[in-house]
């Protein structure tokens, strides 16, 4: 059985990053989109990345950002992966020389073959819930029956995952990885619940072992 990877996204404090890493996540997401309530400053992002142990990847989330903005972040923060949640064309994702994942909003069946050809340089695709007013972090699932079964590149499931449903999602879809943000928070966006983070990771392991 191939182990399912997990990213805890929308990390806004060093404490939450340390909790996520200790719980066993593979990556943490640092949001640089000004329109997000989980957006952090570059100095804070640098501190968050610096606290991570080896083999936990800091991922930078951007939405149609200017290249200069991304380059400025990369000069200060050692991101191991870029995640593009906007309408970025392949050339805009490739230009930084850093592996990237392209987020795709799902609302109808995907032509995954064409998607993989178009974004041939992508390391992975993150499939998330469509929302006309948000770019991720909706807290809502999409129709899992739309999950493509013939993908070649790694697929990461996002959108509405919680400790209560991630095990079932893994059993049904067998994604390469799962991504959670609001599903491990309480009332305040961007503030993670250590108990929920640990419960989520326990359920990821349980789903991957069955």
Protein backbone atom coordinates (compact mmCIF):
# COMPACT_ATOMS: atom_id res chain seq x y z
CA UNK A 1 0.00 0.00 0.00
CA UNK A 2 1.38 3.42 -1.00
CA UNK A 3 1.31 5.90 1.87
CA UNK A 4 -1.08 8.82 1.43
CA UNK A 5 0.62 12.19 1.86
CA UNK A 6 -0.96 15.03 3.82
CA UNK A 7 -0.62 18.80 3.73
CA UNK A 8 -1.92 21.05 6.50
CA UNK A 9 -2.64 24.29 4.67
CA UNK A 10 -3.21 27.88 5.74
CA UNK A 11 -0.61 27.79 8.52
CA UNK A 12 -0.31 31.22 10.13
CA UNK A 13 1.86 30.64 13.23
CA UNK A 14 5.08 28.90 14.12
CA UNK A 15 3.19 26.99 16.79
CA UNK A 16 0.72 25.56 14.29
CA UNK A 17 3.53 24.58 11.94
CA UNK A 18 5.30 22.73 14.74
CA UNK A 19 2.08 20.98 15.76
CA UNK A 20 1.40 19.88 12.18
CA UNK A 21 4.93 18.59 11.72
CA UNK A 22 4.85 16.70 15.02
CA UNK A 23 1.54 15.12 14.01
CA UNK A 24 3.24 13.63 10.96
CA UNK A 25 2.23 15.80 8.01
CA UNK A 26 4.36 15.81 4.86
CA UNK A 27 3.88 19.48 4.01
CA UNK A 28 2.46 22.71 5.35
CA UNK A 29 0.85 25.40 3.21
CA UNK A 30 1.81 29.05 3.61
CA UNK A 31 -0.65 31.42 1.94
CA UNK A 32 0.62 34.54 0.17
CA UNK A 33 -2.72 35.54 -1.40
CA UNK A 34 -3.76 38.93 0.02
CA UNK A 35 -7.43 38.06 -0.40
CA UNK A 36 -7.18 35.15 2.03
CA UNK A 37 -7.77 35.46 5.78
CA UNK A 38 -4.82 33.06 6.13
CA UNK A 39 -2.36 35.27 4.24
CA UNK A 40 0.93 35.82 6.10
CA UNK A 41 3.81 38.26 5.74
CA UNK A 42 7.13 37.23 4.28
CA UNK A 43 8.99 37.56 7.61
CA UNK A 44 6.42 35.36 9.34
CA UNK A 45 6.57 32.85 6.49
CA UNK A 46 10.33 32.72 6.88
CA UNK A 47 9.96 31.93 10.58
CA UNK A 48 7.36 29.27 9.87
CA UNK A 49 9.55 27.56 7.27
CA UNK A 50 12.58 27.74 9.56
CA UNK A 51 10.84 25.77 12.32
CA UNK A 52 10.08 22.78 10.12
CA UNK A 53 12.08 19.58 10.57
CA UNK A 54 13.70 17.79 7.61
CA UNK A 55 11.33 16.13 5.12
CA UNK A 56 8.39 18.44 5.89
CA UNK A 57 7.95 20.65 2.83
CA UNK A 58 6.92 24.30 3.02
CA UNK A 59 4.50 25.02 0.17
CA UNK A 60 3.75 28.55 -1.00
CA UNK A 61 0.21 29.28 -2.19
CA UNK A 62 -0.25 32.01 -4.79
CA UNK A 63 -3.24 33.27 -6.78
CA UNK A 64 -2.42 35.07 -10.05
CA UNK A 65 0.48 36.80 -8.34
CA UNK A 66 2.91 39.05 -10.14
CA UNK A 67 6.19 37.24 -10.90
CA UNK A 68 8.09 39.87 -8.94
CA UNK A 69 5.99 39.09 -5.88
CA UNK A 70 6.79 35.37 -6.08
CA UNK A 71 10.46 36.04 -6.70
CA UNK A 72 10.59 38.31 -3.66
CA UNK A 73 9.09 35.55 -1.51
CA UNK A 74 11.50 32.94 -2.87
CA UNK A 75 14.47 35.11 -1.99
CA UNK A 76 13.41 35.04 1.67
CA UNK A 77 11.51 31.78 2.18
CA UNK A 78 12.92 28.35 1.20
CA UNK A 79 9.76 26.98 -0.41
CA UNK A 80 10.00 23.41 -1.66
CA UNK A 81 6.86 23.60 -3.78
CA UNK A 82 4.72 26.34 -5.30
CA UNK A 83 0.96 25.91 -5.47
CA UNK A 84 -0.92 28.01 -8.00
CA UNK A 85 -4.62 28.50 -7.21
CA UNK A 86 -5.46 31.02 -9.89
CA UNK A 87 -5.72 31.05 -13.68
CA UNK A 88 -1.97 30.84 -14.22
CA UNK A 89 -0.89 29.39 -17.59
CA UNK A 90 1.87 26.78 -17.63
CA UNK A 91 4.62 29.29 -18.48
CA UNK A 92 3.75 31.39 -15.44
CA UNK A 93 4.06 28.34 -13.18
CA UNK A 94 7.32 27.05 -14.67
CA UNK A 95 9.39 30.21 -14.71
CA UNK A 96 10.70 30.04 -11.13
CA UNK A 97 12.53 26.74 -11.40
CA UNK A 98 10.68 25.35 -8.37
CA UNK A 99 8.38 22.28 -8.55
CA UNK A 100 4.74 23.29 -8.64
CA UNK A 101 1.24 21.94 -8.15
CA UNK A 102 -1.69 23.38 -10.07
CA UNK A 103 -4.98 23.69 -8.22
CA UNK A 104 -8.09 22.85 -10.23
CA UNK A 105 -11.62 23.85 -9.21
CA UNK A 106 -13.93 20.90 -9.82
CA UNK A 107 -17.52 21.41 -10.90
CA UNK A 108 -17.84 19.04 -13.87
CA UNK A 109 -16.03 15.95 -15.17
CA UNK A 110 -12.37 16.70 -15.89
CA UNK A 111 -10.57 15.88 -19.10
CA UNK A 112 -7.56 14.86 -17.08
CA UNK A 113 -5.57 13.75 -20.12
CA UNK A 114 -5.79 17.22 -21.68
CA UNK A 115 -5.05 18.79 -18.31
CA UNK A 116 -1.90 16.72 -17.92
CA UNK A 117 -0.80 17.57 -21.43
CA UNK A 118 -1.40 21.30 -20.94
CA UNK A 119 0.39 21.41 -17.58
CA UNK A 120 2.96 18.81 -18.50
CA UNK A 121 5.54 20.32 -16.16
CA UNK A 122 3.30 20.16 -13.06
CA UNK A 123 4.45 17.93 -10.23
CA UNK A 124 0.85 17.31 -9.16
CA UNK A 125 -2.72 18.58 -9.39
CA UNK A 126 -4.77 19.63 -6.40
CA UNK A 127 -8.49 19.12 -6.95
CA UNK A 128 -10.59 21.51 -4.90
CA UNK A 129 -14.18 22.74 -4.63
CA UNK A 130 -15.31 25.37 -7.12
CA UNK A 131 -16.36 28.68 -5.63
CA UNK A 132 -16.77 31.83 -7.75
CA UNK A 133 -15.74 34.04 -4.84
CA UNK A 134 -12.91 32.01 -3.27
CA UNK A 135 -9.72 30.25 -4.30
CA UNK A 136 -9.66 27.39 -1.84
CA UNK A 137 -10.43 27.27 1.86
CA UNK A 138 -14.17 26.96 1.26
CA UNK A 139 -14.70 24.16 3.77
CA UNK A 140 -16.98 22.40 1.28
CA UNK A 141 -16.49 19.12 -0.55
CA UNK A 142 -17.07 18.69 -4.27
CA UNK A 143 -18.83 15.74 -5.90
CA UNK A 144 -16.31 12.95 -5.41
CA UNK A 145 -17.88 10.99 -8.27
CA UNK A 146 -16.06 13.49 -10.53
CA UNK A 147 -12.68 12.23 -9.30
CA UNK A 148 -10.72 11.11 -12.40
CA UNK A 149 -9.65 7.48 -12.38
CA UNK A 150 -7.17 7.63 -15.26
CA UNK A 151 -4.72 10.28 -14.07
CA UNK A 152 -1.01 9.70 -14.51
CA UNK A 153 0.26 12.59 -12.41
CA UNK A 154 -0.30 12.63 -8.63
CA UNK A 155 -3.69 13.98 -7.53
CA UNK A 156 -4.24 15.68 -4.20
CA UNK A 157 -7.75 15.87 -2.76
CA UNK A 158 -8.83 19.14 -1.12
CA UNK A 159 -12.11 20.79 -0.23
CA UNK A 160 -14.13 20.16 2.89
CA UNK A 161 -11.93 17.46 4.40
CA UNK A 162 -12.13 16.91 8.15
CA UNK A 163 -11.08 14.25 10.64
CA UNK A 164 -14.58 12.82 10.20
CA UNK A 165 -14.48 12.23 6.44
CA UNK A 166 -10.86 11.97 5.32
CA UNK A 167 -10.56 8.24 6.02
CA UNK A 168 -13.62 7.53 3.87
CA UNK A 169 -12.29 9.83 1.13
CA UNK A 170 -8.99 7.95 1.03
CA UNK A 171 -10.73 4.57 0.92
CA UNK A 172 -12.96 5.66 -1.95
CA UNK A 173 -10.60 7.73 -4.11
CA UNK A 174 -7.08 6.57 -3.26
CA UNK A 175 -5.52 10.00 -3.82
CA UNK A 176 -1.79 10.57 -3.79
CA UNK A 177 -2.37 13.10 -1.04
CA UNK A 178 -4.94 15.07 0.93
CA UNK A 179 -5.02 18.75 1.84
CA UNK A 180 -6.85 20.36 4.75
CA UNK A 181 -7.19 23.88 6.08
CA UNK A 182 -10.51 24.92 7.62
CA UNK A 183 -11.30 21.30 8.54
CA UNK A 184 -8.70 21.43 11.34
CA UNK A 185 -9.70 24.85 12.65
CA UNK A 186 -12.23 25.90 15.28
CA UNK A 187 -13.91 29.30 15.02
CA UNK A 188 -10.97 31.45 13.94
CA UNK A 189 -9.77 31.13 10.37
CA UNK A 190 -6.07 30.43 10.22
CA UNK A 191 -5.78 29.16 13.80
CA UNK A 192 -5.39 25.40 13.85
CA UNK A 193 -6.74 23.13 16.55
CA UNK A 194 -3.94 20.81 17.71
CA UNK A 195 -6.50 18.15 18.60
CA UNK A 196 -8.09 18.31 15.15
CA UNK A 197 -4.71 18.28 13.41
CA UNK A 198 -3.67 15.15 15.30
CA UNK A 199 -7.05 13.50 14.71
CA UNK A 200 -6.86 14.31 11.00
CA UNK A 201 -3.42 12.73 10.67
CA UNK A 202 -4.57 9.65 12.60
CA UNK A 203 -7.45 9.23 10.14
CA UNK A 204 -5.15 9.74 7.13
CA UNK A 205 -2.98 6.89 8.39
CA UNK A 206 -6.01 4.72 9.08
CA UNK A 207 -7.42 5.28 5.60
CA UNK A 208 -4.09 4.58 3.97
CA UNK A 209 -3.69 1.31 5.82
CA UNK A 210 -7.05 -0.15 4.77
